PDB file of all heavy atoms in Angstrom:
ATOM      1  N   ILE A   1       6.244   1.060   0.440  1.00  0.00           N
ATOM      2  CA  ILE A   1       4.972   1.671   0.872  1.00  0.00           C
ATOM      3  C   ILE A   1       5.294   2.958   1.713  1.00  0.00           C
ATOM      4  O   ILE A   1       6.289   2.961   2.420  1.00  0.00           O
ATOM      5  CB  ILE A   1       4.074   0.675   1.745  1.00  0.00           C
ATOM      6  CG1 ILE A   1       2.743   1.308   2.035  1.00  0.00           C
ATOM      7  CG2 ILE A   1       4.816   0.285   3.019  1.00  0.00           C
ATOM      8  CD1 ILE A   1       1.743   0.307   2.600  1.00  0.00           C
ATOM      9  N   SER A   2       4.521   3.963   1.465  1.00  0.00           N
ATOM     10  CA  SER A   2       4.666   5.253   2.217  1.00  0.00           C
ATOM     11  C   SER A   2       3.378   5.853   2.355  1.00  0.00           C
ATOM     12  O   SER A   2       2.352   5.469   1.737  1.00  0.00           O
ATOM     13  CB  SER A   2       5.712   6.116   1.455  1.00  0.00           C
ATOM     14  OG  SER A   2       5.161   6.495   0.144  1.00  0.00           O
ATOM     15  N   ARG A   3       3.358   6.959   3.219  1.00  0.00           N
ATOM     16  CA  ARG A   3       2.041   7.627   3.425  1.00  0.00           C
ATOM     17  C   ARG A   3       2.362   9.105   3.637  1.00  0.00           C
ATOM     18  O   ARG A   3       3.380   9.469   4.150  1.00  0.00           O
ATOM     19  CB  ARG A   3       1.148   7.001   4.552  1.00  0.00           C
ATOM     20  CG  ARG A   3       1.815   7.172   5.914  1.00  0.00           C
ATOM     21  CD  ARG A   3       1.174   6.262   6.943  1.00  0.00           C
ATOM     22  NE  ARG A   3      -0.253   6.672   7.092  1.00  0.00           N
ATOM     23  CZ  ARG A   3      -1.152   5.884   7.644  1.00  0.00           C
ATOM     24  NH1 ARG A   3      -0.873   4.658   8.084  1.00  0.00           N
ATOM     25  NH2 ARG A   3      -2.484   6.327   7.766  1.00  0.00           N
ATOM     26  N   ASP A   4       1.396   9.890   3.145  1.00  0.00           N
ATOM     27  CA  ASP A   4       1.426  11.302   3.343  1.00  0.00           C
ATOM     28  C   ASP A   4       0.153  11.684   4.099  1.00  0.00           C
ATOM     29  O   ASP A   4      -0.876  11.760   3.446  1.00  0.00           O
ATOM     30  CB  ASP A   4       1.621  12.128   2.052  1.00  0.00           C
ATOM     31  CG  ASP A   4       1.739  13.559   2.294  1.00  0.00           C
ATOM     32  OD1 ASP A   4       1.380  14.097   3.387  1.00  0.00           O
ATOM     33  OD2 ASP A   4       2.233  14.225   1.374  1.00  0.00           O
ATOM     34  N   ASN A   5       0.206  11.713   5.401  1.00  0.00           N
ATOM     35  CA  ASN A   5      -1.067  11.884   6.132  1.00  0.00           C
ATOM     36  C   ASN A   5      -1.672  13.175   5.906  1.00  0.00           C
ATOM     37  O   ASN A   5      -2.886  13.450   6.059  1.00  0.00           O
ATOM     38  CB  ASN A   5      -0.883  11.594   7.613  1.00  0.00           C
ATOM     39  CG  ASN A   5      -0.646  10.183   8.001  1.00  0.00           C
ATOM     40  OD1 ASN A   5      -1.009   9.318   7.214  1.00  0.00           O
ATOM     41  ND2 ASN A   5      -0.184   9.985   9.188  1.00  0.00           N
ATOM     42  N   ALA A   6      -0.867  14.278   5.624  1.00  0.00           N
ATOM     43  CA  ALA A   6      -1.365  15.574   5.268  1.00  0.00           C
ATOM     44  C   ALA A   6      -2.229  15.545   4.028  1.00  0.00           C
ATOM     45  O   ALA A   6      -3.226  16.392   3.928  1.00  0.00           O
ATOM     46  CB  ALA A   6      -0.303  16.533   5.110  1.00  0.00           C
ATOM     47  N   LYS A   7      -1.982  14.588   3.164  1.00  0.00           N
ATOM     48  CA  LYS A   7      -2.776  14.451   1.881  1.00  0.00           C
ATOM     49  C   LYS A   7      -3.772  13.250   1.972  1.00  0.00           C
ATOM     50  O   LYS A   7      -4.411  13.039   0.933  1.00  0.00           O
ATOM     51  CB  LYS A   7      -1.829  14.266   0.758  1.00  0.00           C
ATOM     52  CG  LYS A   7      -0.895  15.427   0.492  1.00  0.00           C
ATOM     53  CD  LYS A   7      -0.082  15.199  -0.785  1.00  0.00           C
ATOM     54  CE  LYS A   7       0.756  16.401  -1.024  1.00  0.00           C
ATOM     55  NZ  LYS A   7       1.784  16.131  -2.230  1.00  0.00           N
ATOM     56  N   ASN A   8      -3.827  12.624   3.127  1.00  0.00           N
ATOM     57  CA  ASN A   8      -4.725  11.475   3.196  1.00  0.00           C
ATOM     58  C   ASN A   8      -4.451  10.474   2.190  1.00  0.00           C
ATOM     59  O   ASN A   8      -5.405   9.913   1.538  1.00  0.00           O
ATOM     60  CB  ASN A   8      -6.195  11.917   3.254  1.00  0.00           C
ATOM     61  CG  ASN A   8      -6.591  12.297   4.613  1.00  0.00           C
ATOM     62  OD1 ASN A   8      -5.826  12.615   5.531  1.00  0.00           O
ATOM     63  ND2 ASN A   8      -7.927  12.332   4.807  1.00  0.00           N
ATOM     64  N   THR A   9      -3.198  10.116   1.867  1.00  0.00           N
ATOM     65  CA  THR A   9      -2.814   9.263   0.776  1.00  0.00           C
ATOM     66  C   THR A   9      -1.792   8.295   1.168  1.00  0.00           C
ATOM     67  O   THR A   9      -0.802   8.688   1.883  1.00  0.00           O
ATOM     68  CB  THR A   9      -2.417  10.117  -0.458  1.00  0.00           C
ATOM     69  OG1 THR A   9      -3.430  11.037  -0.827  1.00  0.00           O
ATOM     70  CG2 THR A   9      -2.018   9.181  -1.648  1.00  0.00           C
ATOM     71  N   VAL A  10      -1.864   7.074   0.692  1.00  0.00           N
ATOM     72  CA  VAL A  10      -0.865   6.063   0.845  1.00  0.00           C
ATOM     73  C   VAL A  10      -0.384   5.647  -0.529  1.00  0.00           C
ATOM     74  O   VAL A  10      -1.167   5.631  -1.422  1.00  0.00           O
ATOM     75  CB  VAL A  10      -1.331   4.859   1.735  1.00  0.00           C
ATOM     76  CG1 VAL A  10      -2.527   4.213   1.040  1.00  0.00           C
ATOM     77  CG2 VAL A  10      -0.228   3.956   2.045  1.00  0.00           C
ATOM     78  N   TYR A  11       0.843   5.345  -0.584  1.00  0.00           N
ATOM     79  CA  TYR A  11       1.476   5.002  -1.908  1.00  0.00           C
ATOM     80  C   TYR A  11       2.128   3.646  -1.859  1.00  0.00           C
ATOM     81  O   TYR A  11       2.539   3.168  -0.807  1.00  0.00           O
ATOM     82  CB  TYR A  11       2.502   6.028  -2.316  1.00  0.00           C
ATOM     83  CG  TYR A  11       2.117   7.460  -2.255  1.00  0.00           C
ATOM     84  CD1 TYR A  11       2.250   8.279  -1.173  1.00  0.00           C
ATOM     85  CD2 TYR A  11       1.408   7.960  -3.400  1.00  0.00           C
ATOM     86  CE1 TYR A  11       1.815   9.582  -1.204  1.00  0.00           C
ATOM     87  CE2 TYR A  11       0.978   9.295  -3.440  1.00  0.00           C
ATOM     88  CZ  TYR A  11       1.200  10.064  -2.339  1.00  0.00           C
ATOM     89  OH  TYR A  11       0.753  11.392  -2.275  1.00  0.00           O
ATOM     90  N   LEU A  12       2.153   3.019  -3.050  1.00  0.00           N
ATOM     91  CA  LEU A  12       3.015   1.832  -3.202  1.00  0.00           C
ATOM     92  C   LEU A  12       3.867   2.091  -4.456  1.00  0.00           C
ATOM     93  O   LEU A  12       3.340   1.998  -5.560  1.00  0.00           O
ATOM     94  CB  LEU A  12       2.153   0.609  -3.382  1.00  0.00           C
ATOM     95  CG  LEU A  12       2.980  -0.750  -3.411  1.00  0.00           C
ATOM     96  CD1 LEU A  12       3.521  -1.056  -2.063  1.00  0.00           C
ATOM     97  CD2 LEU A  12       1.967  -1.900  -3.860  1.00  0.00           C
ATOM     98  N   GLN A  13       5.166   2.272  -4.192  1.00  0.00           N
ATOM     99  CA  GLN A  13       6.080   2.356  -5.332  1.00  0.00           C
ATOM    100  C   GLN A  13       6.624   1.044  -5.697  1.00  0.00           C
ATOM    101  O   GLN A  13       7.102   0.309  -4.833  1.00  0.00           O
ATOM    102  CB  GLN A  13       7.258   3.308  -4.912  1.00  0.00           C
ATOM    103  CG  GLN A  13       8.312   3.442  -5.985  1.00  0.00           C
ATOM    104  CD  GLN A  13       7.898   4.188  -7.202  1.00  0.00           C
ATOM    105  OE1 GLN A  13       7.248   5.152  -7.084  1.00  0.00           O
ATOM    106  NE2 GLN A  13       8.101   3.627  -8.426  1.00  0.00           N
ATOM    107  N   MET A  14       6.414   0.636  -6.947  1.00  0.00           N
ATOM    108  CA  MET A  14       6.681  -0.710  -7.426  1.00  0.00           C
ATOM    109  C   MET A  14       7.762  -0.612  -8.435  1.00  0.00           C
ATOM    110  O   MET A  14       7.515  -0.027  -9.523  1.00  0.00           O
ATOM    111  CB  MET A  14       5.472  -1.424  -7.916  1.00  0.00           C
ATOM    112  CG  MET A  14       4.353  -1.524  -6.966  1.00  0.00           C
ATOM    113  SD  MET A  14       2.907  -2.416  -7.597  1.00  0.00           S
ATOM    114  CE  MET A  14       2.391  -1.362  -8.957  1.00  0.00           C
ATOM    115  N   ASN A  15       8.946  -1.151  -8.124  1.00  0.00           N
ATOM    116  CA  ASN A  15      10.088  -1.072  -9.064  1.00  0.00           C
ATOM    117  C   ASN A  15      10.391  -2.501  -9.539  1.00  0.00           C
ATOM    118  O   ASN A  15      10.088  -3.490  -8.859  1.00  0.00           O
ATOM    119  CB  ASN A  15      11.273  -0.453  -8.416  1.00  0.00           C
ATOM    120  CG  ASN A  15      11.129   0.947  -8.052  1.00  0.00           C
ATOM    121  OD1 ASN A  15      10.366   1.700  -8.732  1.00  0.00           O
ATOM    122  ND2 ASN A  15      11.715   1.356  -7.006  1.00  0.00           N
ATOM    123  N   THR A  16      11.145  -2.626 -10.589  1.00  0.00           N
ATOM    124  CA  THR A  16      11.544  -3.848 -11.188  1.00  0.00           C
ATOM    125  C   THR A  16      10.445  -4.916 -11.212  1.00  0.00           C
ATOM    126  O   THR A  16      10.594  -6.042 -10.771  1.00  0.00           O
ATOM    127  CB  THR A  16      12.803  -4.492 -10.532  1.00  0.00           C
ATOM    128  OG1 THR A  16      12.545  -4.661  -9.125  1.00  0.00           O
ATOM    129  CG2 THR A  16      14.011  -3.577 -10.661  1.00  0.00           C
ATOM    130  N   LEU A  17       9.337  -4.487 -11.819  1.00  0.00           N
ATOM    131  CA  LEU A  17       8.140  -5.277 -11.906  1.00  0.00           C
ATOM    132  C   LEU A  17       8.441  -6.555 -12.663  1.00  0.00           C
ATOM    133  O   LEU A  17       9.107  -6.530 -13.614  1.00  0.00           O
ATOM    134  CB  LEU A  17       6.941  -4.496 -12.416  1.00  0.00           C
ATOM    135  CG  LEU A  17       6.345  -3.496 -11.418  1.00  0.00           C
ATOM    136  CD1 LEU A  17       5.552  -2.495 -12.267  1.00  0.00           C
ATOM    137  CD2 LEU A  17       5.513  -4.273 -10.443  1.00  0.00           C
ATOM    138  N   ARG A  18       7.762  -7.656 -12.247  1.00  0.00           N
ATOM    139  CA  ARG A  18       7.864  -8.966 -12.893  1.00  0.00           C
ATOM    140  C   ARG A  18       6.430  -9.399 -13.253  1.00  0.00           C
ATOM    141  O   ARG A  18       5.453  -8.987 -12.739  1.00  0.00           O
ATOM    142  CB  ARG A  18       8.424  -9.992 -11.786  1.00  0.00           C
ATOM    143  CG  ARG A  18       9.771  -9.520 -11.245  1.00  0.00           C
ATOM    144  CD  ARG A  18      10.156 -10.357 -10.096  1.00  0.00           C
ATOM    145  NE  ARG A  18      11.414 -10.029  -9.484  1.00  0.00           N
ATOM    146  CZ  ARG A  18      11.879 -10.451  -8.324  1.00  0.00           C
ATOM    147  NH1 ARG A  18      11.106 -11.285  -7.586  1.00  0.00           N
ATOM    148  NH2 ARG A  18      13.048 -10.042  -7.883  1.00  0.00           N
ATOM    149  N   PRO A  19       6.392 -10.373 -14.160  1.00  0.00           N
ATOM    150  CA  PRO A  19       5.069 -10.899 -14.621  1.00  0.00           C
ATOM    151  C   PRO A  19       4.321 -11.454 -13.445  1.00  0.00           C
ATOM    152  O   PRO A  19       3.063 -11.347 -13.413  1.00  0.00           O
ATOM    153  CB  PRO A  19       5.374 -11.967 -15.623  1.00  0.00           C
ATOM    154  CG  PRO A  19       6.740 -11.560 -16.204  1.00  0.00           C
ATOM    155  CD  PRO A  19       7.487 -10.912 -15.053  1.00  0.00           C
ATOM    156  N   GLU A  20       4.875 -12.002 -12.424  1.00  0.00           N
ATOM    157  CA  GLU A  20       4.209 -12.552 -11.280  1.00  0.00           C
ATOM    158  C   GLU A  20       3.567 -11.499 -10.413  1.00  0.00           C
ATOM    159  O   GLU A  20       2.835 -11.758  -9.520  1.00  0.00           O
ATOM    160  CB  GLU A  20       5.091 -13.530 -10.494  1.00  0.00           C
ATOM    161  CG  GLU A  20       6.382 -12.858 -10.021  1.00  0.00           C
ATOM    162  CD  GLU A  20       7.556 -13.235 -10.907  1.00  0.00           C
ATOM    163  OE1 GLU A  20       7.353 -13.274 -12.179  1.00  0.00           O
ATOM    164  OE2 GLU A  20       8.625 -13.463 -10.337  1.00  0.00           O
ATOM    165  N   ASP A  21       3.981 -10.209 -10.632  1.00  0.00           N
ATOM    166  CA  ASP A  21       3.309  -9.080  -9.880  1.00  0.00           C
ATOM    167  C   ASP A  21       1.965  -8.736 -10.526  1.00  0.00           C
ATOM    168  O   ASP A  21       1.245  -7.942  -9.946  1.00  0.00           O
ATOM    169  CB  ASP A  21       4.160  -7.926  -9.910  1.00  0.00           C
ATOM    170  CG  ASP A  21       5.507  -8.059  -9.230  1.00  0.00           C
ATOM    171  OD1 ASP A  21       5.442  -8.730  -8.138  1.00  0.00           O
ATOM    172  OD2 ASP A  21       6.590  -7.569  -9.705  1.00  0.00           O
ATOM    173  N   THR A  22       1.602  -9.333 -11.584  1.00  0.00           N
ATOM    174  CA  THR A  22       0.283  -9.046 -12.260  1.00  0.00           C
ATOM    175  C   THR A  22      -0.829  -9.420 -11.347  1.00  0.00           C
ATOM    176  O   THR A  22      -0.918 -10.591 -10.904  1.00  0.00           O
ATOM    177  CB  THR A  22       0.193  -9.792 -13.552  1.00  0.00           C
ATOM    178  OG1 THR A  22       1.190  -9.323 -14.539  1.00  0.00           O
ATOM    179  CG2 THR A  22      -1.169  -9.568 -14.155  1.00  0.00           C
ATOM    180  N   ALA A  23      -1.709  -8.523 -11.092  1.00  0.00           N
ATOM    181  CA  ALA A  23      -2.835  -8.776 -10.127  1.00  0.00           C
ATOM    182  C   ALA A  23      -3.698  -7.510 -10.048  1.00  0.00           C
ATOM    183  O   ALA A  23      -3.339  -6.348 -10.458  1.00  0.00           O
ATOM    184  CB  ALA A  23      -2.287  -9.130  -8.710  1.00  0.00           C
ATOM    185  N   MET A  24      -4.771  -7.689  -9.411  1.00  0.00           N
ATOM    186  CA  MET A  24      -5.575  -6.538  -8.941  1.00  0.00           C
ATOM    187  C   MET A  24      -5.029  -6.129  -7.584  1.00  0.00           C
ATOM    188  O   MET A  24      -4.967  -6.958  -6.679  1.00  0.00           O
ATOM    189  CB  MET A  24      -7.079  -6.889  -8.885  1.00  0.00           C
ATOM    190  CG  MET A  24      -7.976  -5.637  -8.466  1.00  0.00           C
ATOM    191  SD  MET A  24      -8.161  -4.470  -9.801  1.00  0.00           S
ATOM    192  CE  MET A  24      -9.300  -5.395 -10.875  1.00  0.00           C
ATOM    193  N   TYR A  25      -4.717  -4.876  -7.463  1.00  0.00           N
ATOM    194  CA  TYR A  25      -4.133  -4.370  -6.191  1.00  0.00           C
ATOM    195  C   TYR A  25      -5.168  -3.535  -5.441  1.00  0.00           C
ATOM    196  O   TYR A  25      -5.831  -2.638  -5.931  1.00  0.00           O
ATOM    197  CB  TYR A  25      -2.924  -3.487  -6.510  1.00  0.00           C
ATOM    198  CG  TYR A  25      -1.735  -4.281  -6.782  1.00  0.00           C
ATOM    199  CD1 TYR A  25      -1.609  -4.973  -7.995  1.00  0.00           C
ATOM    200  CD2 TYR A  25      -0.659  -4.404  -5.835  1.00  0.00           C
ATOM    201  CE1 TYR A  25      -0.509  -5.711  -8.292  1.00  0.00           C
ATOM    202  CE2 TYR A  25       0.555  -5.111  -6.160  1.00  0.00           C
ATOM    203  CZ  TYR A  25       0.533  -5.799  -7.387  1.00  0.00           C
ATOM    204  OH  TYR A  25       1.694  -6.566  -7.683  1.00  0.00           O
ATOM    205  N   TYR A  26      -5.333  -3.892  -4.152  1.00  0.00           N
ATOM    206  CA  TYR A  26      -6.326  -3.203  -3.325  1.00  0.00           C
ATOM    207  C   TYR A  26      -5.661  -2.456  -2.123  1.00  0.00           C
ATOM    208  O   TYR A  26      -4.735  -2.971  -1.515  1.00  0.00           O
ATOM    209  CB  TYR A  26      -7.277  -4.250  -2.720  1.00  0.00           C
ATOM    210  CG  TYR A  26      -8.027  -5.012  -3.730  1.00  0.00           C
ATOM    211  CD1 TYR A  26      -7.591  -6.190  -4.271  1.00  0.00           C
ATOM    212  CD2 TYR A  26      -9.280  -4.603  -4.151  1.00  0.00           C
ATOM    213  CE1 TYR A  26      -8.281  -6.988  -5.181  1.00  0.00           C
ATOM    214  CE2 TYR A  26      -9.994  -5.319  -5.040  1.00  0.00           C
ATOM    215  CZ  TYR A  26      -9.484  -6.474  -5.563  1.00  0.00           C
ATOM    216  OH  TYR A  26     -10.213  -7.207  -6.519  1.00  0.00           O
ATOM    217  N   CYS A  27      -6.153  -1.321  -1.925  1.00  0.00           N
ATOM    218  CA  CYS A  27      -5.796  -0.539  -0.707  1.00  0.00           C
ATOM    219  C   CYS A  27      -6.720  -0.955   0.449  1.00  0.00           C
ATOM    220  O   CYS A  27      -7.978  -1.095   0.202  1.00  0.00           O
ATOM    221  CB  CYS A  27      -5.846   0.929  -1.035  1.00  0.00           C
ATOM    222  SG  CYS A  27      -5.503   2.031   0.378  1.00  0.00           S
ATOM    223  N   ALA A  28      -6.324  -1.055   1.647  1.00  0.00           N
ATOM    224  CA  ALA A  28      -7.125  -1.380   2.817  1.00  0.00           C
ATOM    225  C   ALA A  28      -6.685  -0.602   4.007  1.00  0.00           C
ATOM    226  O   ALA A  28      -5.482  -0.279   4.158  1.00  0.00           O
ATOM    227  CB  ALA A  28      -7.096  -2.922   3.029  1.00  0.00           C
ATOM    228  N   ALA A  29      -7.639  -0.432   4.951  1.00  0.00           N
ATOM    229  CA  ALA A  29      -7.311   0.322   6.168  1.00  0.00           C
ATOM    230  C   ALA A  29      -7.722  -0.610   7.296  1.00  0.00           C
ATOM    231  O   ALA A  29      -8.790  -1.195   7.401  1.00  0.00           O
ATOM    232  CB  ALA A  29      -8.127   1.559   6.321  1.00  0.00           C
ATOM    233  N   GLN A  30      -6.756  -0.770   8.285  1.00  0.00           N
ATOM    234  CA  GLN A  30      -6.951  -1.491   9.513  1.00  0.00           C
ATOM    235  C   GLN A  30      -7.332  -0.548  10.569  1.00  0.00           C
ATOM    236  O   GLN A  30      -6.601   0.436  10.799  1.00  0.00           O
ATOM    237  CB  GLN A  30      -5.739  -2.368   9.784  1.00  0.00           C
ATOM    238  CG  GLN A  30      -5.861  -3.251  10.989  1.00  0.00           C
ATOM    239  CD  GLN A  30      -4.612  -4.118  11.231  1.00  0.00           C
ATOM    240  OE1 GLN A  30      -4.099  -4.142  12.297  1.00  0.00           O
ATOM    241  NE2 GLN A  30      -4.156  -4.747  10.145  1.00  0.00           N
ATOM    242  N   ALA A  31      -8.373  -0.708  11.308  1.00  0.00           N
ATOM    243  CA  ALA A  31      -8.888   0.235  12.340  1.00  0.00           C
ATOM    244  C   ALA A  31      -8.024   0.155  13.586  1.00  0.00           C
ATOM    245  O   ALA A  31      -8.578  -0.187  14.610  1.00  0.00           O
ATOM    246  CB  ALA A  31     -10.353   0.077  12.565  1.00  0.00           C
ATOM    247  N   SER A  32      -6.754   0.323  13.468  1.00  0.00           N
ATOM    248  CA  SER A  32      -5.870   0.361  14.670  1.00  0.00           C
ATOM    249  C   SER A  32      -4.612   1.134  14.250  1.00  0.00           C
ATOM    250  O   SER A  32      -4.323   1.377  13.074  1.00  0.00           O
ATOM    251  CB  SER A  32      -5.471  -1.064  15.013  1.00  0.00           C
ATOM    252  OG  SER A  32      -4.779  -1.670  13.892  1.00  0.00           O
ATOM    253  N   TRP A  33      -3.956   1.665  15.302  1.00  0.00           N
ATOM    254  CA  TRP A  33      -2.755   2.446  15.087  1.00  0.00           C
ATOM    255  C   TRP A  33      -1.627   1.591  14.508  1.00  0.00           C
ATOM    256  O   TRP A  33      -0.843   2.098  13.722  1.00  0.00           O
ATOM    257  CB  TRP A  33      -2.312   3.113  16.451  1.00  0.00           C
ATOM    258  CG  TRP A  33      -3.181   4.126  16.952  1.00  0.00           C
ATOM    259  CD1 TRP A  33      -4.212   3.945  17.853  1.00  0.00           C
ATOM    260  CD2 TRP A  33      -3.161   5.512  16.650  1.00  0.00           C
ATOM    261  NE1 TRP A  33      -4.813   5.181  18.064  1.00  0.00           N
ATOM    262  CE2 TRP A  33      -4.159   6.140  17.386  1.00  0.00           C
ATOM    263  CE3 TRP A  33      -2.309   6.357  15.837  1.00  0.00           C
ATOM    264  CZ2 TRP A  33      -4.378   7.513  17.342  1.00  0.00           C
ATOM    265  CZ3 TRP A  33      -2.549   7.655  15.705  1.00  0.00           C
ATOM    266  CH2 TRP A  33      -3.615   8.260  16.543  1.00  0.00           C
ATOM    267  N   TRP A  34      -1.532   0.333  14.968  1.00  0.00           N
ATOM    268  CA  TRP A  34      -0.441  -0.603  14.621  1.00  0.00           C
ATOM    269  C   TRP A  34      -0.941  -1.632  13.746  1.00  0.00           C
ATOM    270  O   TRP A  34      -2.117  -1.967  13.788  1.00  0.00           O
ATOM    271  CB  TRP A  34       0.183  -1.155  15.861  1.00  0.00           C
ATOM    272  CG  TRP A  34       0.324  -0.117  16.968  1.00  0.00           C
ATOM    273  CD1 TRP A  34      -0.220  -0.113  18.204  1.00  0.00           C
ATOM    274  CD2 TRP A  34       1.252   0.982  16.930  1.00  0.00           C
ATOM    275  NE1 TRP A  34       0.130   0.973  18.941  1.00  0.00           N
ATOM    276  CE2 TRP A  34       1.040   1.718  18.157  1.00  0.00           C
ATOM    277  CE3 TRP A  34       2.081   1.612  15.980  1.00  0.00           C
ATOM    278  CZ2 TRP A  34       1.722   2.918  18.435  1.00  0.00           C
ATOM    279  CZ3 TRP A  34       2.746   2.780  16.295  1.00  0.00           C
ATOM    280  CH2 TRP A  34       2.520   3.394  17.497  1.00  0.00           C
ATOM    281  N   CYS A  35      -0.087  -2.180  12.878  1.00  0.00           N
ATOM    282  CA  CYS A  35      -0.415  -3.159  11.920  1.00  0.00           C
ATOM    283  C   CYS A  35      -0.313  -4.566  12.495  1.00  0.00           C
ATOM    284  O   CYS A  35       0.647  -5.295  12.181  1.00  0.00           O
ATOM    285  CB  CYS A  35       0.452  -3.014  10.710  1.00  0.00           C
ATOM    286  SG  CYS A  35       0.293  -1.470   9.794  1.00  0.00           S
ATOM    287  N   GLY A  36      -1.322  -4.941  13.299  1.00  0.00           N
ATOM    288  CA  GLY A  36      -1.336  -6.306  13.771  1.00  0.00           C
ATOM    289  C   GLY A  36      -1.827  -7.176  12.651  1.00  0.00           C
ATOM    290  O   GLY A  36      -2.827  -6.876  11.950  1.00  0.00           O
ATOM    291  N   THR A  37      -1.203  -8.350  12.510  1.00  0.00           N
ATOM    292  CA  THR A  37      -1.495  -9.303  11.387  1.00  0.00           C
ATOM    293  C   THR A  37      -1.850  -8.633  10.113  1.00  0.00           C
ATOM    294  O   THR A  37      -2.864  -8.772   9.501  1.00  0.00           O
ATOM    295  CB  THR A  37      -2.814 -10.247  11.830  1.00  0.00           C
ATOM    296  OG1 THR A  37      -3.964  -9.369  12.048  1.00  0.00           O
ATOM    297  CG2 THR A  37      -2.461 -11.049  13.072  1.00  0.00           C
TER     298      THR A  37
END
């Protein structure tokens, strides 16, 4: 996971994908500076 705050964009680079990675992927924002829980 990475982010480019100048572009207001977050990325998820996924390598060596497996069948168990199949899913709907959602982006989410937590209203805090730090990632609690």
